[in-house]
PDB file of N, CA and C in Angstrom:
ATOM      1  N   UNK A   1      13.073  26.335  -9.753  1.00  0.00           N
ATOM      2  CA  UNK A   1      12.295  27.407  -9.187  1.00  0.00           C
ATOM      3  C   UNK A   1      12.701  27.620  -7.736  1.00  0.00           C
ATOM      4  N   UNK A   2      12.614  28.845  -7.322  1.00  0.00           N
ATOM      5  CA  UNK A   2      12.904  29.142  -5.926  1.00  0.00           C
ATOM      6  C   UNK A   2      11.973  30.234  -5.440  1.00  0.00           C
ATOM      7  N   UNK A   3      11.831  30.268  -4.117  1.00  0.00           N
ATOM      8  CA  UNK A   3      11.018  31.303  -3.498  1.00  0.00           C
ATOM      9  C   UNK A   3      11.540  31.527  -2.083  1.00  0.00           C
ATOM     10  N   UNK A   4      11.133  32.624  -1.504  1.00  0.00           N
ATOM     11  CA  UNK A   4      11.523  32.931  -0.133  1.00  0.00           C
ATOM     12  C   UNK A   4      10.273  32.830   0.731  1.00  0.00           C
ATOM     13  N   UNK A   5      10.402  32.072   1.798  1.00  0.00           N
ATOM     14  CA  UNK A   5       9.277  31.858   2.708  1.00  0.00           C
ATOM     15  C   UNK A   5       9.456  32.719   3.955  1.00  0.00           C
ATOM     16  N   UNK A   6       8.442  33.529   4.254  1.00  0.00           N
ATOM     17  CA  UNK A   6       8.452  34.359   5.459  1.00  0.00           C
ATOM     18  C   UNK A   6       7.057  34.331   6.077  1.00  0.00           C
ATOM     19  N   UNK A   7       6.966  34.749   7.316  1.00  0.00           N
ATOM     20  CA  UNK A   7       5.678  34.783   8.020  1.00  0.00           C
ATOM     21  C   UNK A   7       4.817  35.935   7.485  1.00  0.00           C
ATOM     22  N   UNK A   8       3.534  35.869   7.823  1.00  0.00           N
ATOM     23  CA  UNK A   8       2.602  36.933   7.446  1.00  0.00           C
ATOM     24  C   UNK A   8       3.056  38.258   8.051  1.00  0.00           C
ATOM     25  N   UNK A   9       3.575  38.196   9.274  1.00  0.00           N
ATOM     26  CA  UNK A   9       4.022  39.422   9.944  1.00  0.00           C
ATOM     27  C   UNK A   9       5.161  40.085   9.180  1.00  0.00           C
ATOM     28  N   UNK A  10       6.092  39.284   8.686  1.00  0.00           N
ATOM     29  CA  UNK A  10       7.214  39.837   7.911  1.00  0.00           C
ATOM     30  C   UNK A  10       6.692  40.423   6.604  1.00  0.00           C
ATOM     31  N   UNK A  11       5.754  39.746   5.966  1.00  0.00           N
ATOM     32  CA  UNK A  11       5.171  40.291   4.728  1.00  0.00           C
ATOM     33  C   UNK A  11       4.516  41.642   4.999  1.00  0.00           C
ATOM     34  N   UNK A  12       3.813  41.740   6.134  1.00  0.00           N
ATOM     35  CA  UNK A  12       3.189  43.020   6.491  1.00  0.00           C
ATOM     36  C   UNK A  12       4.249  44.105   6.719  1.00  0.00           C
ATOM     37  N   UNK A  13       5.357  43.749   7.380  1.00  0.00           N
ATOM     38  CA  UNK A  13       6.449  44.710   7.592  1.00  0.00           C
ATOM     39  C   UNK A  13       7.045  45.156   6.262  1.00  0.00           C
ATOM     40  N   UNK A  14       7.185  44.216   5.336  1.00  0.00           N
ATOM     41  CA  UNK A  14       7.739  44.551   4.013  1.00  0.00           C
ATOM     42  C   UNK A  14       6.808  45.532   3.307  1.00  0.00           C
ATOM     43  N   UNK A  15       5.504  45.279   3.360  1.00  0.00           N
ATOM     44  CA  UNK A  15       4.542  46.191   2.726  1.00  0.00           C
ATOM     45  C   UNK A  15       4.678  47.612   3.282  1.00  0.00           C
ATOM     46  N   UNK A  16       4.821  47.711   4.592  1.00  0.00           N
ATOM     47  CA  UNK A  16       4.972  49.038   5.210  1.00  0.00           C
ATOM     48  C   UNK A  16       6.311  49.673   4.853  1.00  0.00           C
ATOM     49  N   UNK A  17       7.387  48.888   4.945  1.00  0.00           N
ATOM     50  CA  UNK A  17       8.730  49.428   4.709  1.00  0.00           C
ATOM     51  C   UNK A  17       8.902  49.913   3.272  1.00  0.00           C
ATOM     52  N   UNK A  18       8.316  49.196   2.314  1.00  0.00           N
ATOM     53  CA  UNK A  18       8.498  49.540   0.908  1.00  0.00           C
ATOM     54  C   UNK A  18       7.296  50.241   0.307  1.00  0.00           C
ATOM     55  N   UNK A  19       6.262  50.480   1.144  1.00  0.00           N
ATOM     56  CA  UNK A  19       5.037  51.143   0.679  1.00  0.00           C
ATOM     57  C   UNK A  19       4.518  50.471  -0.590  1.00  0.00           C
ATOM     58  N   UNK A  20       4.297  49.163  -0.485  1.00  0.00           N
ATOM     59  CA  UNK A  20       3.839  48.407  -1.641  1.00  0.00           C
ATOM     60  C   UNK A  20       2.722  47.453  -1.224  1.00  0.00           C
ATOM     61  N   UNK A  21       2.106  46.810  -2.210  1.00  0.00           N
ATOM     62  CA  UNK A  21       0.989  45.910  -1.958  1.00  0.00           C
ATOM     63  C   UNK A  21       1.458  44.477  -1.712  1.00  0.00           C
ATOM     64  N   UNK A  22       0.559  43.645  -1.195  1.00  0.00           N
ATOM     65  CA  UNK A  22       0.879  42.231  -0.969  1.00  0.00           C
ATOM     66  C   UNK A  22       1.211  41.517  -2.285  1.00  0.00           C
ATOM     67  N   UNK A  23       0.486  41.803  -3.393  1.00  0.00           N
ATOM     68  CA  UNK A  23       0.871  41.151  -4.652  1.00  0.00           C
ATOM     69  C   UNK A  23       2.299  41.499  -5.092  1.00  0.00           C
ATOM     70  N   UNK A  24       2.730  42.718  -4.821  1.00  0.00           N
ATOM     71  CA  UNK A  24       4.097  43.112  -5.150  1.00  0.00           C
ATOM     72  C   UNK A  24       5.095  42.295  -4.334  1.00  0.00           C
ATOM     73  N   UNK A  25       4.792  42.114  -3.051  1.00  0.00           N
ATOM     74  CA  UNK A  25       5.664  41.316  -2.183  1.00  0.00           C
ATOM     75  C   UNK A  25       5.676  39.872  -2.664  1.00  0.00           C
ATOM     76  N   UNK A  26       4.508  39.327  -2.989  1.00  0.00           N
ATOM     77  CA  UNK A  26       4.418  37.944  -3.475  1.00  0.00           C
ATOM     78  C   UNK A  26       5.267  37.749  -4.736  1.00  0.00           C
ATOM     79  N   UNK A  27       5.139  38.687  -5.694  1.00  0.00           N
ATOM     80  CA  UNK A  27       5.918  38.566  -6.940  1.00  0.00           C
ATOM     81  C   UNK A  27       7.410  38.624  -6.670  1.00  0.00           C
ATOM     82  N   UNK A  28       7.828  39.442  -5.720  1.00  0.00           N
ATOM     83  CA  UNK A  28       9.250  39.532  -5.377  1.00  0.00           C
ATOM     84  C   UNK A  28       9.728  38.242  -4.710  1.00  0.00           C
ATOM     85  N   UNK A  29       8.949  37.723  -3.754  1.00  0.00           N
ATOM     86  CA  UNK A  29       9.370  36.545  -2.999  1.00  0.00           C
ATOM     87  C   UNK A  29       9.324  35.261  -3.818  1.00  0.00           C
ATOM     88  N   UNK A  30       8.550  35.258  -4.901  1.00  0.00           N
ATOM     89  CA  UNK A  30       8.493  34.079  -5.775  1.00  0.00           C
ATOM     90  C   UNK A  30       9.367  34.262  -7.021  1.00  0.00           C
ATOM     91  N   UNK A  31      10.138  35.328  -7.045  1.00  0.00           N
ATOM     92  CA  UNK A  31      11.048  35.633  -8.153  1.00  0.00           C
ATOM     93  C   UNK A  31      10.311  35.824  -9.473  1.00  0.00           C
ATOM     94  N   UNK A  32       9.030  36.220  -9.409  1.00  0.00           N
ATOM     95  CA  UNK A  32       8.274  36.498 -10.628  1.00  0.00           C
ATOM     96  C   UNK A  32       8.736  37.817 -11.253  1.00  0.00           C
ATOM     97  N   UNK A  33       9.315  38.694 -10.426  1.00  0.00           N
ATOM     98  CA  UNK A  33       9.872  39.953 -10.928  1.00  0.00           C
ATOM     99  C   UNK A  33      11.329  40.057 -10.496  1.00  0.00           C
ATOM    100  N   UNK A  34      12.085  40.800 -11.276  1.00  0.00           N
ATOM    101  CA  UNK A  34      13.499  41.016 -10.936  1.00  0.00           C
ATOM    102  C   UNK A  34      13.855  42.482 -11.153  1.00  0.00           C
ATOM    103  N   UNK A  35      13.230  43.321 -10.361  1.00  0.00           N
ATOM    104  CA  UNK A  35      13.492  44.760 -10.404  1.00  0.00           C
ATOM    105  C   UNK A  35      14.359  45.122  -9.206  1.00  0.00           C
ATOM    106  N   UNK A  36      14.912  46.322  -9.188  1.00  0.00           N
ATOM    107  CA  UNK A  36      15.674  46.735  -8.008  1.00  0.00           C
ATOM    108  C   UNK A  36      14.838  46.645  -6.726  1.00  0.00           C
ATOM    109  N   UNK A  37      13.561  47.015  -6.806  1.00  0.00           N
ATOM    110  CA  UNK A  37      12.702  46.931  -5.624  1.00  0.00           C
ATOM    111  C   UNK A  37      12.492  45.471  -5.205  1.00  0.00           C
ATOM    112  N   UNK A  38      12.287  44.576  -6.159  1.00  0.00           N
ATOM    113  CA  UNK A  38      12.093  43.156  -5.840  1.00  0.00           C
ATOM    114  C   UNK A  38      13.344  42.585  -5.177  1.00  0.00           C
ATOM    115  N   UNK A  39      14.508  42.961  -5.669  1.00  0.00           N
ATOM    116  CA  UNK A  39      15.757  42.483  -5.058  1.00  0.00           C
ATOM    117  C   UNK A  39      15.898  43.008  -3.633  1.00  0.00           C
ATOM    118  N   UNK A  40      15.490  44.264  -3.407  1.00  0.00           N
ATOM    119  CA  UNK A  40      15.538  44.832  -2.060  1.00  0.00           C
ATOM    120  C   UNK A  40      14.557  44.119  -1.131  1.00  0.00           C
ATOM    121  N   UNK A  41      13.381  43.803  -1.633  1.00  0.00           N
ATOM    122  CA  UNK A  41      12.390  43.070  -0.836  1.00  0.00           C
ATOM    123  C   UNK A  41      12.929  41.698  -0.462  1.00  0.00           C
ATOM    124  N   UNK A  42      13.546  41.010  -1.413  1.00  0.00           N
ATOM    125  CA  UNK A  42      14.117  39.685  -1.121  1.00  0.00           C
ATOM    126  C   UNK A  42      15.225  39.781  -0.076  1.00  0.00           C
ATOM    127  N   UNK A  43      16.076  40.781  -0.189  1.00  0.00           N
ATOM    128  CA  UNK A  43      17.158  40.972   0.780  1.00  0.00           C
ATOM    129  C   UNK A  43      16.577  41.228   2.171  1.00  0.00           C
ATOM    130  N   UNK A  44      15.589  42.100   2.255  1.00  0.00           N
ATOM    131  CA  UNK A  44      14.925  42.414   3.519  1.00  0.00           C
ATOM    132  C   UNK A  44      14.300  41.151   4.105  1.00  0.00           C
ATOM    133  N   UNK A  45      13.646  40.356   3.279  1.00  0.00           N
ATOM    134  CA  UNK A  45      12.987  39.135   3.750  1.00  0.00           C
ATOM    135  C   UNK A  45      14.001  38.150   4.323  1.00  0.00           C
ATOM    136  N   UNK A  46      15.115  37.965   3.655  1.00  0.00           N
ATOM    137  CA  UNK A  46      16.143  37.033   4.138  1.00  0.00           C
ATOM    138  C   UNK A  46      16.747  37.540   5.439  1.00  0.00           C
ATOM    139  N   UNK A  47      17.025  38.835   5.506  1.00  0.00           N
ATOM    140  CA  UNK A  47      17.592  39.400   6.734  1.00  0.00           C
ATOM    141  C   UNK A  47      16.592  39.373   7.894  1.00  0.00           C
ATOM    142  N   UNK A  48      15.310  39.236   7.566  1.00  0.00           N
ATOM    143  CA  UNK A  48      14.268  39.157   8.595  1.00  0.00           C
ATOM    144  C   UNK A  48      13.932  37.709   8.951  1.00  0.00           C
ATOM    145  N   UNK A  49      14.784  36.791   8.536  1.00  0.00           N
ATOM    146  CA  UNK A  49      14.578  35.388   8.908  1.00  0.00           C
ATOM    147  C   UNK A  49      13.937  34.527   7.840  1.00  0.00           C
ATOM    148  N   UNK A  50      13.789  35.052   6.649  1.00  0.00           N
ATOM    149  CA  UNK A  50      13.193  34.274   5.568  1.00  0.00           C
ATOM    150  C   UNK A  50      14.081  33.121   5.136  1.00  0.00           C
ATOM    151  N   UNK A  51      13.437  32.080   4.621  1.00  0.00           N
ATOM    152  CA  UNK A  51      14.174  30.904   4.135  1.00  0.00           C
ATOM    153  C   UNK A  51      14.024  30.807   2.627  1.00  0.00           C
ATOM    154  N   UNK A  52      15.135  30.548   1.932  1.00  0.00           N
ATOM    155  CA  UNK A  52      15.106  30.357   0.486  1.00  0.00           C
ATOM    156  C   UNK A  52      14.814  28.891   0.228  1.00  0.00           C
ATOM    157  N   UNK A  53      13.731  28.633  -0.501  1.00  0.00           N
ATOM    158  CA  UNK A  53      13.344  27.273  -0.849  1.00  0.00           C
ATOM    159  C   UNK A  53      13.523  27.081  -2.349  1.00  0.00           C
ATOM    160  N   UNK A  54      14.142  25.988  -2.722  1.00  0.00           N
ATOM    161  CA  UNK A  54      14.354  25.686  -4.138  1.00  0.00           C
ATOM    162  C   UNK A  54      13.648  24.385  -4.475  1.00  0.00           C
ATOM    163  N   UNK A  55      13.004  24.357  -5.627  1.00  0.00           N
ATOM    164  CA  UNK A  55      12.349  23.155  -6.117  1.00  0.00           C
ATOM    165  C   UNK A  55      13.260  22.522  -7.152  1.00  0.00           C
ATOM    166  N   UNK A  56      13.556  21.250  -6.938  1.00  0.00           N
ATOM    167  CA  UNK A  56      14.410  20.528  -7.863  1.00  0.00           C
ATOM    168  C   UNK A  56      13.554  19.486  -8.570  1.00  0.00           C
ATOM    169  N   UNK A  57      13.558  19.513  -9.890  1.00  0.00           N
ATOM    170  CA  UNK A  57      12.804  18.552 -10.674  1.00  0.00           C
ATOM    171  C   UNK A  57      13.778  17.507 -11.192  1.00  0.00           C
ATOM    172  N   UNK A  58      13.485  16.260 -10.887  1.00  0.00           N
ATOM    173  CA  UNK A  58      14.354  15.165 -11.316  1.00  0.00           C
ATOM    174  C   UNK A  58      13.646  14.391 -12.416  1.00  0.00           C
ATOM    175  N   UNK A  59      14.323  14.226 -13.518  1.00  0.00           N
ATOM    176  CA  UNK A  59      13.782  13.465 -14.638  1.00  0.00           C
ATOM    177  C   UNK A  59      14.042  11.984 -14.389  1.00  0.00           C
ATOM    178  N   UNK A  60      12.987  11.174 -14.234  1.00  0.00           N
ATOM    179  CA  UNK A  60      13.195   9.757 -13.930  1.00  0.00           C
ATOM    180  C   UNK A  60      13.950   9.015 -15.040  1.00  0.00           C
ATOM    181  N   UNK A  61      13.921   9.516 -16.242  1.00  0.00           N
ATOM    182  CA  UNK A  61      14.638   8.872 -17.351  1.00  0.00           C
ATOM    183  C   UNK A  61      16.150   8.981 -17.177  1.00  0.00           C
ATOM    184  N   UNK A  62      16.599  10.000 -16.441  1.00  0.00           N
ATOM    185  CA  UNK A  62      18.030  10.222 -16.268  1.00  0.00           C
ATOM    186  C   UNK A  62      18.597   9.481 -15.070  1.00  0.00           C
ATOM    187  N   UNK A  63      17.741   8.869 -14.263  1.00  0.00           N
ATOM    188  CA  UNK A  63      18.236   8.162 -13.082  1.00  0.00           C
ATOM    189  C   UNK A  63      18.703   6.772 -13.479  1.00  0.00           C
ATOM    190  N   UNK A  64      19.753   6.323 -12.802  1.00  0.00           N
ATOM    191  CA  UNK A  64      20.270   4.981 -13.062  1.00  0.00           C
ATOM    192  C   UNK A  64      20.048   4.133 -11.818  1.00  0.00           C
ATOM    193  N   UNK A  65      19.935   2.849 -12.037  1.00  0.00           N
ATOM    194  CA  UNK A  65      19.751   1.937 -10.914  1.00  0.00           C
ATOM    195  C   UNK A  65      21.101   1.448 -10.415  1.00  0.00           C
ATOM    196  N   UNK A  66      21.227   1.289  -9.094  1.00  0.00           N
ATOM    197  CA  UNK A  66      22.439   0.717  -8.523  1.00  0.00           C
ATOM    198  C   UNK A  66      22.406  -0.790  -8.733  1.00  0.00           C
ATOM    199  N   UNK A  67      23.520  -1.348  -9.116  1.00  0.00           N
ATOM    200  CA  UNK A  67      23.575  -2.805  -9.344  1.00  0.00           C
ATOM    201  C   UNK A  67      24.403  -3.480  -8.305  1.00  0.00           C
TER     202      UNK A  67
END
């Protein structure tokens, strides 16, 4: 999973720039939607200083111990 983290101020700018609601911005930044508008919102967020965060899930069964 990945998401883009931006400040409240940037989210407000995105809402104004794209004439959309906060839930629309949230869905775009959390990759819940993949529409042309969502991709544009993500691009705008990154260019405005947003950080892409990725969650990595590690299965403990697949880890090996060092000997």
